[in-house]
Amino acid sequence: MALAATLATYGDPGDLAISNESSAEVTVLTDDDEAAVPALGGSVVLDYGCTPGDVTVEFASGPAVVVPGPVCPDEQIAVRRDGKVELQPASGDNT
């Protein structure tokens, strides 16, 4: 899994990160954006800031999961191997 790790600069709204450890592509929907996230991959919506509300994760083979929002750049949306969706602390520079 490869996610871009970036450092937020002062005044930057921050990036919305999504990781997908499942074996199927998912579609992540916010009120104003849609991102397809490949199986065993990740996506970053640059300079997105906090979502305006809840986030919906759609699976092609099953029901959608709603993540209560707003989701902000200090958290990432994580789709687990078992299909569960959770929020985790965002990846950052750990050096």
PDB file of N, CA and C in Angstrom:
ATOM      1  N   MET A   1       0.846  -1.164   0.000  1.00  0.00           N
ATOM      2  CA  MET A   1       0.000   0.000   0.000  1.00  0.00           C
ATOM      3  C   MET A   1       0.893   1.227   0.000  1.00  0.00           C
ATOM      4  N   ALA A   2       0.586   2.142  -0.884  1.00  0.00           N
ATOM      5  CA  ALA A   2       1.394   3.352  -0.966  1.00  0.00           C
ATOM      6  C   ALA A   2       0.498   4.565  -0.844  1.00  0.00           C
ATOM      7  N   LEU A   3       0.714   5.340   0.181  1.00  0.00           N
ATOM      8  CA  LEU A   3       0.013   6.607   0.346  1.00  0.00           C
ATOM      9  C   LEU A   3       1.050   7.704   0.394  1.00  0.00           C
ATOM     10  N   ALA A   4       0.725   8.802  -0.221  1.00  0.00           N
ATOM     11  CA  ALA A   4       1.640   9.931  -0.179  1.00  0.00           C
ATOM     12  C   ALA A   4       1.580  10.561   1.202  1.00  0.00           C
ATOM     13  N   ALA A   5       2.719  10.774   1.788  1.00  0.00           N
ATOM     14  CA  ALA A   5       2.790  11.456   3.080  1.00  0.00           C
ATOM     15  C   ALA A   5       3.318  12.857   2.818  1.00  0.00           C
ATOM     16  N   THR A   6       2.552  13.846   3.235  1.00  0.00           N
ATOM     17  CA  THR A   6       2.957  15.217   3.002  1.00  0.00           C
ATOM     18  C   THR A   6       2.917  15.982   4.309  1.00  0.00           C
ATOM     19  N   LEU A   7       3.674  17.024   4.361  1.00  0.00           N
ATOM     20  CA  LEU A   7       3.651  17.911   5.508  1.00  0.00           C
ATOM     21  C   LEU A   7       2.761  19.094   5.171  1.00  0.00           C
ATOM     22  N   ALA A   8       1.854  19.407   6.061  1.00  0.00           N
ATOM     23  CA  ALA A   8       0.967  20.546   5.836  1.00  0.00           C
ATOM     24  C   ALA A   8       1.734  21.829   6.104  1.00  0.00           C
ATOM     25  N   THR A   9       1.545  22.797   5.241  1.00  0.00           N
ATOM     26  CA  THR A   9       2.165  24.093   5.451  1.00  0.00           C
ATOM     27  C   THR A   9       1.139  25.017   6.075  1.00  0.00           C
ATOM     28  N   TYR A  10       1.593  26.065   6.685  1.00  0.00           N
ATOM     29  CA  TYR A  10       0.704  26.997   7.356  1.00  0.00           C
ATOM     30  C   TYR A  10      -0.318  27.542   6.365  1.00  0.00           C
ATOM     31  N   GLY A  11      -1.585  27.458   6.713  1.00  0.00           N
ATOM     32  CA  GLY A  11      -2.637  27.962   5.848  1.00  0.00           C
ATOM     33  C   GLY A  11      -3.129  26.938   4.839  1.00  0.00           C
ATOM     34  N   ASP A  12      -2.463  25.810   4.700  1.00  0.00           N
ATOM     35  CA  ASP A  12      -2.857  24.749   3.789  1.00  0.00           C
ATOM     36  C   ASP A  12      -4.035  24.007   4.410  1.00  0.00           C
ATOM     37  N   PRO A  13      -5.120  23.773   3.635  1.00  0.00           N
ATOM     38  CA  PRO A  13      -6.272  23.091   4.223  1.00  0.00           C
ATOM     39  C   PRO A  13      -6.007  21.628   4.563  1.00  0.00           C
ATOM     40  N   GLY A  14      -4.998  21.026   3.992  1.00  0.00           N
ATOM     41  CA  GLY A  14      -4.663  19.636   4.297  1.00  0.00           C
ATOM     42  C   GLY A  14      -5.283  18.668   3.309  1.00  0.00           C
ATOM     43  N   ASP A  15      -4.740  17.467   3.277  1.00  0.00           N
ATOM     44  CA  ASP A  15      -5.138  16.444   2.324  1.00  0.00           C
ATOM     45  C   ASP A  15      -6.018  15.401   3.000  1.00  0.00           C
ATOM     46  N   LEU A  16      -6.974  14.871   2.244  1.00  0.00           N
ATOM     47  CA  LEU A  16      -7.851  13.810   2.719  1.00  0.00           C
ATOM     48  C   LEU A  16      -7.297  12.486   2.210  1.00  0.00           C
ATOM     49  N   ALA A  17      -6.866  11.608   3.131  1.00  0.00           N
ATOM     50  CA  ALA A  17      -6.239  10.339   2.759  1.00  0.00           C
ATOM     51  C   ALA A  17      -7.204   9.179   2.950  1.00  0.00           C
ATOM     52  N   ILE A  18      -7.131   8.224   2.011  1.00  0.00           N
ATOM     53  CA  ILE A  18      -7.964   7.030   2.047  1.00  0.00           C
ATOM     54  C   ILE A  18      -7.073   5.833   1.761  1.00  0.00           C
ATOM     55  N   SER A  19      -7.139   4.800   2.603  1.00  0.00           N
ATOM     56  CA  SER A  19      -6.399   3.564   2.330  1.00  0.00           C
ATOM     57  C   SER A  19      -7.399   2.434   2.156  1.00  0.00           C
ATOM     58  N   ASN A  20      -7.063   1.492   1.280  1.00  0.00           N
ATOM     59  CA  ASN A  20      -7.954   0.375   0.995  1.00  0.00           C
ATOM     60  C   ASN A  20      -7.155  -0.918   1.038  1.00  0.00           C
ATOM     61  N   GLU A  21      -7.310  -1.691   2.112  1.00  0.00           N
ATOM     62  CA  GLU A  21      -6.629  -2.973   2.254  1.00  0.00           C
ATOM     63  C   GLU A  21      -7.481  -4.132   1.749  1.00  0.00           C
ATOM     64  N   SER A  22      -8.685  -3.835   1.251  1.00  0.00           N
ATOM     65  CA  SER A  22      -9.574  -4.898   0.785  1.00  0.00           C
ATOM     66  C   SER A  22      -9.172  -5.343  -0.621  1.00  0.00           C
ATOM     67  N   SER A  23      -9.789  -6.422  -1.068  1.00  0.00           N
ATOM     68  CA  SER A  23      -9.463  -6.982  -2.385  1.00  0.00           C
ATOM     69  C   SER A  23     -10.351  -6.428  -3.495  1.00  0.00           C
ATOM     70  N   ALA A  24     -11.119  -5.383  -3.211  1.00  0.00           N
ATOM     71  CA  ALA A  24     -12.007  -4.797  -4.211  1.00  0.00           C
ATOM     72  C   ALA A  24     -11.883  -3.280  -4.214  1.00  0.00           C
ATOM     73  N   GLU A  25     -12.077  -2.692  -5.377  1.00  0.00           N
ATOM     74  CA  GLU A  25     -12.099  -1.231  -5.483  1.00  0.00           C
ATOM     75  C   GLU A  25     -13.309  -0.699  -4.724  1.00  0.00           C
ATOM     76  N   VAL A  26     -13.159   0.466  -4.103  1.00  0.00           N
ATOM     77  CA  VAL A  26     -14.272   1.140  -3.440  1.00  0.00           C
ATOM     78  C   VAL A  26     -14.387   2.550  -4.002  1.00  0.00           C
ATOM     79  N   THR A  27     -15.562   3.116  -3.856  1.00  0.00           N
ATOM     80  CA  THR A  27     -15.783   4.512  -4.235  1.00  0.00           C
ATOM     81  C   THR A  27     -16.101   5.276  -2.964  1.00  0.00           C
ATOM     82  N   VAL A  28     -15.379   6.378  -2.750  1.00  0.00           N
ATOM     83  CA  VAL A  28     -15.563   7.196  -1.561  1.00  0.00           C
ATOM     84  C   VAL A  28     -16.238   8.497  -1.987  1.00  0.00           C
ATOM     85  N   LEU A  29     -17.380   8.777  -1.350  1.00  0.00           N
ATOM     86  CA  LEU A  29     -18.184   9.946  -1.699  1.00  0.00           C
ATOM     87  C   LEU A  29     -18.262  10.916  -0.528  1.00  0.00           C
ATOM     88  N   THR A  30     -17.971  12.184  -0.811  1.00  0.00           N
ATOM     89  CA  THR A  30     -18.244  13.250   0.143  1.00  0.00           C
ATOM     90  C   THR A  30     -19.377  14.064  -0.477  1.00  0.00           C
ATOM     91  N   ASP A  31     -19.775  15.131   0.164  1.00  0.00           N
ATOM     92  CA  ASP A  31     -20.865  15.940  -0.390  1.00  0.00           C
ATOM     93  C   ASP A  31     -20.540  16.497  -1.767  1.00  0.00           C
ATOM     94  N   ASP A  32     -19.253  16.736  -2.030  1.00  0.00           N
ATOM     95  CA  ASP A  32     -18.907  17.406  -3.281  1.00  0.00           C
ATOM     96  C   ASP A  32     -17.778  16.745  -4.074  1.00  0.00           C
ATOM     97  N   ASP A  33     -17.412  15.513  -3.729  1.00  0.00           N
ATOM     98  CA  ASP A  33     -16.307  14.857  -4.428  1.00  0.00           C
ATOM     99  C   ASP A  33     -16.517  13.343  -4.419  1.00  0.00           C
ATOM    100  N   GLU A  34     -15.913  12.686  -5.406  1.00  0.00           N
ATOM    101  CA  GLU A  34     -15.974  11.230  -5.521  1.00  0.00           C
ATOM    102  C   GLU A  34     -14.585  10.734  -5.889  1.00  0.00           C
ATOM    103  N   ALA A  35     -14.113   9.697  -5.196  1.00  0.00           N
ATOM    104  CA  ALA A  35     -12.786   9.135  -5.472  1.00  0.00           C
ATOM    105  C   ALA A  35     -12.876   7.617  -5.549  1.00  0.00           C
ATOM    106  N   ALA A  36     -12.381   7.055  -6.646  1.00  0.00           N
ATOM    107  CA  ALA A  36     -12.266   5.604  -6.773  1.00  0.00           C
ATOM    108  C   ALA A  36     -10.928   5.205  -6.166  1.00  0.00           C
ATOM    109  N   VAL A  37     -10.958   4.240  -5.250  1.00  0.00           N
ATOM    110  CA  VAL A  37      -9.744   3.805  -4.568  1.00  0.00           C
ATOM    111  C   VAL A  37      -9.522   2.338  -4.921  1.00  0.00           C
ATOM    112  N   PRO A  38      -8.392   2.038  -5.573  1.00  0.00           N
ATOM    113  CA  PRO A  38      -8.155   0.663  -6.026  1.00  0.00           C
ATOM    114  C   PRO A  38      -7.965  -0.315  -4.875  1.00  0.00           C
ATOM    115  N   ALA A  39      -8.234  -1.588  -5.170  1.00  0.00           N
ATOM    116  CA  ALA A  39      -7.985  -2.646  -4.196  1.00  0.00           C
ATOM    117  C   ALA A  39      -6.515  -2.620  -3.792  1.00  0.00           C
ATOM    118  N   LEU A  40      -6.254  -2.853  -2.515  1.00  0.00           N
ATOM    119  CA  LEU A  40      -4.887  -2.880  -1.974  1.00  0.00           C
ATOM    120  C   LEU A  40      -4.118  -1.609  -2.312  1.00  0.00           C
ATOM    121  N   GLY A  41      -4.804  -0.478  -2.282  1.00  0.00           N
ATOM    122  CA  GLY A  41      -4.156   0.779  -2.638  1.00  0.00           C
ATOM    123  C   GLY A  41      -4.624   1.920  -1.764  1.00  0.00           C
ATOM    124  N   GLY A  42      -4.462   3.107  -2.272  1.00  0.00           N
ATOM    125  CA  GLY A  42      -4.842   4.293  -1.530  1.00  0.00           C
ATOM    126  C   GLY A  42      -5.032   5.465  -2.454  1.00  0.00           C
ATOM    127  N   SER A  43      -5.549   6.525  -1.900  1.00  0.00           N
ATOM    128  CA  SER A  43      -5.787   7.745  -2.658  1.00  0.00           C
ATOM    129  C   SER A  43      -5.654   8.929  -1.712  1.00  0.00           C
ATOM    130  N   VAL A  44      -5.246  10.051  -2.260  1.00  0.00           N
ATOM    131  CA  VAL A  44      -5.156  11.282  -1.488  1.00  0.00           C
ATOM    132  C   VAL A  44      -5.828  12.384  -2.298  1.00  0.00           C
ATOM    133  N   VAL A  45      -6.789  13.066  -1.683  1.00  0.00           N
ATOM    134  CA  VAL A  45      -7.424  14.218  -2.304  1.00  0.00           C
ATOM    135  C   VAL A  45      -6.681  15.438  -1.774  1.00  0.00           C
ATOM    136  N   LEU A  46      -5.872  16.049  -2.624  1.00  0.00           N
ATOM    137  CA  LEU A  46      -4.993  17.135  -2.202  1.00  0.00           C
ATOM    138  C   LEU A  46      -5.776  18.399  -1.850  1.00  0.00           C
ATOM    139  N   ASP A  47      -5.308  19.073  -0.810  1.00  0.00           N
ATOM    140  CA  ASP A  47      -5.862  20.366  -0.380  1.00  0.00           C
ATOM    141  C   ASP A  47      -7.367  20.336  -0.184  1.00  0.00           C
ATOM    142  N   TYR A  48      -7.905  19.237   0.332  1.00  0.00           N
ATOM    143  CA  TYR A  48      -9.352  19.104   0.509  1.00  0.00           C
ATOM    144  C   TYR A  48      -9.841  19.712   1.810  1.00  0.00           C
ATOM    145  N   GLY A  49      -9.042  19.606   2.855  1.00  0.00           N
ATOM    146  CA  GLY A  49      -9.495  20.061   4.163  1.00  0.00           C
ATOM    147  C   GLY A  49     -10.468  19.071   4.762  1.00  0.00           C
ATOM    148  N   CYS A  50     -11.361  19.535   5.615  1.00  0.00           N
ATOM    149  CA  CYS A  50     -12.360  18.666   6.241  1.00  0.00           C
ATOM    150  C   CYS A  50     -13.535  18.438   5.292  1.00  0.00           C
ATOM    151  N   THR A  51     -14.104  17.248   5.353  1.00  0.00           N
ATOM    152  CA  THR A  51     -15.303  16.992   4.553  1.00  0.00           C
ATOM    153  C   THR A  51     -16.441  17.839   5.110  1.00  0.00           C
ATOM    154  N   PRO A  52     -17.385  18.240   4.266  1.00  0.00           N
ATOM    155  CA  PRO A  52     -18.480  19.059   4.756  1.00  0.00           C
ATOM    156  C   PRO A  52     -19.490  18.282   5.614  1.00  0.00           C
ATOM    157  N   GLY A  53     -19.419  16.978   5.576  1.00  0.00           N
ATOM    158  CA  GLY A  53     -20.352  16.149   6.357  1.00  0.00           C
ATOM    159  C   GLY A  53     -19.869  14.720   6.381  1.00  0.00           C
ATOM    160  N   ASP A  54     -20.815  13.792   6.373  1.00  0.00           N
ATOM    161  CA  ASP A  54     -20.489  12.372   6.394  1.00  0.00           C
ATOM    162  C   ASP A  54     -19.794  11.950   5.102  1.00  0.00           C
ATOM    163  N   VAL A  55     -19.098  10.807   5.168  1.00  0.00           N
ATOM    164  CA  VAL A  55     -18.423  10.218   4.015  1.00  0.00           C
ATOM    165  C   VAL A  55     -19.046   8.840   3.786  1.00  0.00           C
ATOM    166  N   THR A  56     -19.350   8.533   2.529  1.00  0.00           N
ATOM    167  CA  THR A  56     -19.924   7.233   2.183  1.00  0.00           C
ATOM    168  C   THR A  56     -18.891   6.423   1.415  1.00  0.00           C
ATOM    169  N   VAL A  57     -18.674   5.182   1.843  1.00  0.00           N
ATOM    170  CA  VAL A  57     -17.782   4.259   1.149  1.00  0.00           C
ATOM    171  C   VAL A  57     -18.663   3.200   0.497  1.00  0.00           C
ATOM    172  N   GLU A  58     -18.632   3.151  -0.851  1.00  0.00           N
ATOM    173  CA  GLU A  58     -19.456   2.211  -1.593  1.00  0.00           C
ATOM    174  C   GLU A  58     -18.623   1.026  -2.054  1.00  0.00           C
ATOM    175  N   PHE A  59     -19.132  -0.167  -1.802  1.00  0.00           N
ATOM    176  CA  PHE A  59     -18.519  -1.406  -2.254  1.00  0.00           C
ATOM    177  C   PHE A  59     -19.344  -1.926  -3.424  1.00  0.00           C
ATOM    178  N   ALA A  60     -18.710  -2.397  -4.486  1.00  0.00           N
ATOM    179  CA  ALA A  60     -19.434  -2.927  -5.635  1.00  0.00           C
ATOM    180  C   ALA A  60     -20.235  -4.163  -5.263  1.00  0.00           C
ATOM    181  N   SER A  61     -19.752  -4.935  -4.299  1.00  0.00           N
ATOM    182  CA  SER A  61     -20.379  -6.211  -3.971  1.00  0.00           C
ATOM    183  C   SER A  61     -21.206  -6.191  -2.684  1.00  0.00           C
ATOM    184  N   GLY A  62     -21.491  -5.023  -2.169  1.00  0.00           N
ATOM    185  CA  GLY A  62     -22.221  -5.004  -0.911  1.00  0.00           C
ATOM    186  C   GLY A  62     -22.756  -3.639  -0.576  1.00  0.00           C
ATOM    187  N   PRO A  63     -23.306  -3.509   0.623  1.00  0.00           N
ATOM    188  CA  PRO A  63     -23.896  -2.232   1.024  1.00  0.00           C
ATOM    189  C   PRO A  63     -22.834  -1.163   1.267  1.00  0.00           C
ATOM    190  N   ALA A  64     -23.273   0.082   1.197  1.00  0.00           N
ATOM    191  CA  ALA A  64     -22.386   1.207   1.479  1.00  0.00           C
ATOM    192  C   ALA A  64     -22.226   1.372   2.990  1.00  0.00           C
ATOM    193  N   VAL A  65     -21.108   1.968   3.386  1.00  0.00           N
ATOM    194  CA  VAL A  65     -20.834   2.263   4.790  1.00  0.00           C
ATOM    195  C   VAL A  65     -20.729   3.776   4.930  1.00  0.00           C
ATOM    196  N   VAL A  66     -21.433   4.325   5.896  1.00  0.00           N
ATOM    197  CA  VAL A  66     -21.381   5.765   6.146  1.00  0.00           C
ATOM    198  C   VAL A  66     -20.464   6.019   7.335  1.00  0.00           C
ATOM    199  N   VAL A  67     -19.471   6.881   7.115  1.00  0.00           N
ATOM    200  CA  VAL A  67     -18.548   7.291   8.171  1.00  0.00           C
ATOM    201  C   VAL A  67     -19.006   8.669   8.647  1.00  0.00           C
ATOM    202  N   PRO A  68     -19.364   8.797   9.927  1.00  0.00           N
ATOM    203  CA  PRO A  68     -19.821  10.097  10.426  1.00  0.00           C
ATOM    204  C   PRO A  68     -18.750  11.167  10.223  1.00  0.00           C
ATOM    205  N   GLY A  69     -19.146  12.299   9.720  1.00  0.00           N
ATOM    206  CA  GLY A  69     -18.209  13.387   9.467  1.00  0.00           C
ATOM    207  C   GLY A  69     -18.464  14.545  10.398  1.00  0.00           C
ATOM    208  N   PRO A  70     -17.711  15.566  10.234  1.00  0.00           N
ATOM    209  CA  PRO A  70     -16.703  15.706   9.180  1.00  0.00           C
ATOM    210  C   PRO A  70     -15.449  14.886   9.467  1.00  0.00           C
ATOM    211  N   VAL A  71     -14.761  14.516   8.382  1.00  0.00           N
ATOM    212  CA  VAL A  71     -13.464  13.850   8.466  1.00  0.00           C
ATOM    213  C   VAL A  71     -12.431  14.887   8.057  1.00  0.00           C
ATOM    214  N   CYS A  72     -11.432  15.085   8.892  1.00  0.00           N
ATOM    215  CA  CYS A  72     -10.421  16.123   8.668  1.00  0.00           C
ATOM    216  C   CYS A  72      -9.064  15.502   8.344  1.00  0.00           C
ATOM    217  N   PRO A  73      -8.121  16.307   7.843  1.00  0.00           N
ATOM    218  CA  PRO A  73      -6.815  15.783   7.423  1.00  0.00           C
ATOM    219  C   PRO A  73      -5.998  15.082   8.509  1.00  0.00           C
ATOM    220  N   ASP A  74      -6.329  15.269   9.782  1.00  0.00           N
ATOM    221  CA  ASP A  74      -5.582  14.557  10.828  1.00  0.00           C
ATOM    222  C   ASP A  74      -6.043  13.108  10.963  1.00  0.00           C
ATOM    223  N   GLU A  75      -7.067  12.718  10.176  1.00  0.00           N
ATOM    224  CA  GLU A  75      -7.562  11.349  10.157  1.00  0.00           C
ATOM    225  C   GLU A  75      -7.531  10.832   8.725  1.00  0.00           C
ATOM    226  N   GLN A  76      -7.446   9.521   8.578  1.00  0.00           N
ATOM    227  CA  GLN A  76      -7.583   8.928   7.256  1.00  0.00           C
ATOM    228  C   GLN A  76      -8.691   7.889   7.305  1.00  0.00           C
ATOM    229  N   ILE A  77      -9.361   7.719   6.174  1.00  0.00           N
ATOM    230  CA  ILE A  77     -10.398   6.709   6.048  1.00  0.00           C
ATOM    231  C   ILE A  77      -9.697   5.416   5.677  1.00  0.00           C
ATOM    232  N   ALA A  78      -9.904   4.368   6.467  1.00  0.00           N
ATOM    233  CA  ALA A  78      -9.223   3.093   6.239  1.00  0.00           C
ATOM    234  C   ALA A  78     -10.256   1.997   6.005  1.00  0.00           C
ATOM    235  N   VAL A  79     -10.160   1.356   4.831  1.00  0.00           N
ATOM    236  CA  VAL A  79     -10.997   0.203   4.517  1.00  0.00           C
ATOM    237  C   VAL A  79     -10.162  -1.025   4.843  1.00  0.00           C
ATOM    238  N   ARG A  80     -10.628  -1.831   5.802  1.00  0.00           N
ATOM    239  CA  ARG A  80      -9.895  -3.000   6.267  1.00  0.00           C
ATOM    240  C   ARG A  80     -10.078  -4.171   5.315  1.00  0.00           C
ATOM    241  N   ARG A  81      -9.269  -5.193   5.471  1.00  0.00           N
ATOM    242  CA  ARG A  81      -9.368  -6.413   4.645  1.00  0.00           C
ATOM    243  C   ARG A  81     -10.729  -7.079   4.775  1.00  0.00           C
ATOM    244  N   ASP A  82     -11.331  -7.000   5.972  1.00  0.00           N
ATOM    245  CA  ASP A  82     -12.621  -7.643   6.201  1.00  0.00           C
ATOM    246  C   ASP A  82     -13.798  -6.780   5.740  1.00  0.00           C
ATOM    247  N   GLY A  83     -13.510  -5.621   5.123  1.00  0.00           N
ATOM    248  CA  GLY A  83     -14.563  -4.751   4.613  1.00  0.00           C
ATOM    249  C   GLY A  83     -15.069  -3.720   5.598  1.00  0.00           C
ATOM    250  N   LYS A  84     -14.567  -3.746   6.825  1.00  0.00           N
ATOM    251  CA  LYS A  84     -14.951  -2.722   7.793  1.00  0.00           C
ATOM    252  C   LYS A  84     -14.247  -1.413   7.442  1.00  0.00           C
ATOM    253  N   VAL A  85     -14.888  -0.322   7.784  1.00  0.00           N
ATOM    254  CA  VAL A  85     -14.333   1.003   7.515  1.00  0.00           C
ATOM    255  C   VAL A  85     -14.153   1.713   8.843  1.00  0.00           C
ATOM    256  N   GLU A  86     -12.987   2.336   9.026  1.00  0.00           N
ATOM    257  CA  GLU A  86     -12.713   3.048  10.269  1.00  0.00           C
ATOM    258  C   GLU A  86     -11.873   4.277   9.991  1.00  0.00           C
ATOM    259  N   LEU A  87     -11.831   5.159  10.960  1.00  0.00           N
ATOM    260  CA  LEU A  87     -10.943   6.318  10.901  1.00  0.00           C
ATOM    261  C   LEU A  87      -9.703   5.998  11.708  1.00  0.00           C
ATOM    262  N   GLN A  88      -8.552   6.399  11.163  1.00  0.00           N
ATOM    263  CA  GLN A  88      -7.263   6.206  11.838  1.00  0.00           C
ATOM    264  C   GLN A  88      -6.521   7.531  11.809  1.00  0.00           C
ATOM    265  N   PRO A  89      -5.552   7.704  12.685  1.00  0.00           N
ATOM    266  CA  PRO A  89      -4.709   8.895  12.573  1.00  0.00           C
ATOM    267  C   PRO A  89      -4.037   8.904  11.196  1.00  0.00           C
ATOM    268  N   ALA A  90      -3.953  10.077  10.610  1.00  0.00           N
ATOM    269  CA  ALA A  90      -3.340  10.206   9.287  1.00  0.00           C
ATOM    270  C   ALA A  90      -1.858   9.883   9.370  1.00  0.00           C
ATOM    271  N   SER A  91      -1.344   9.296   8.309  1.00  0.00           N
ATOM    272  CA  SER A  91       0.091   9.015   8.227  1.00  0.00           C
ATOM    273  C   SER A  91       0.818  10.334   8.096  1.00  0.00           C
ATOM    274  N   GLY A  92       1.958  10.381   8.702  1.00  0.00           N
ATOM    275  CA  GLY A  92       2.764  11.600   8.629  1.00  0.00           C
ATOM    276  C   GLY A  92       4.215  11.243   8.598  1.00  0.00           C
ATOM    277  N   ASP A  93       5.052  12.226   8.694  1.00  0.00           N
ATOM    278  CA  ASP A  93       6.487  12.027   8.710  1.00  0.00           C
ATOM    279  C   ASP A  93       6.881  11.608  10.113  1.00  0.00           C
ATOM    280  N   ASN A  94       7.286  10.359  10.269  1.00  0.00           N
ATOM    281  CA  ASN A  94       7.644   9.839  11.588  1.00  0.00           C
ATOM    282  C   ASN A  94       9.154   9.801  11.819  1.00  0.00           C
ATOM    283  N   THR A  95       9.885  10.638  11.142  1.00  0.00           N
ATOM    284  CA  THR A  95      11.336  10.640  11.323  1.00  0.00           C
ATOM    285  C   THR A  95      11.729  11.548  12.464  1.00  0.00           C
TER     286      THR A  95
END
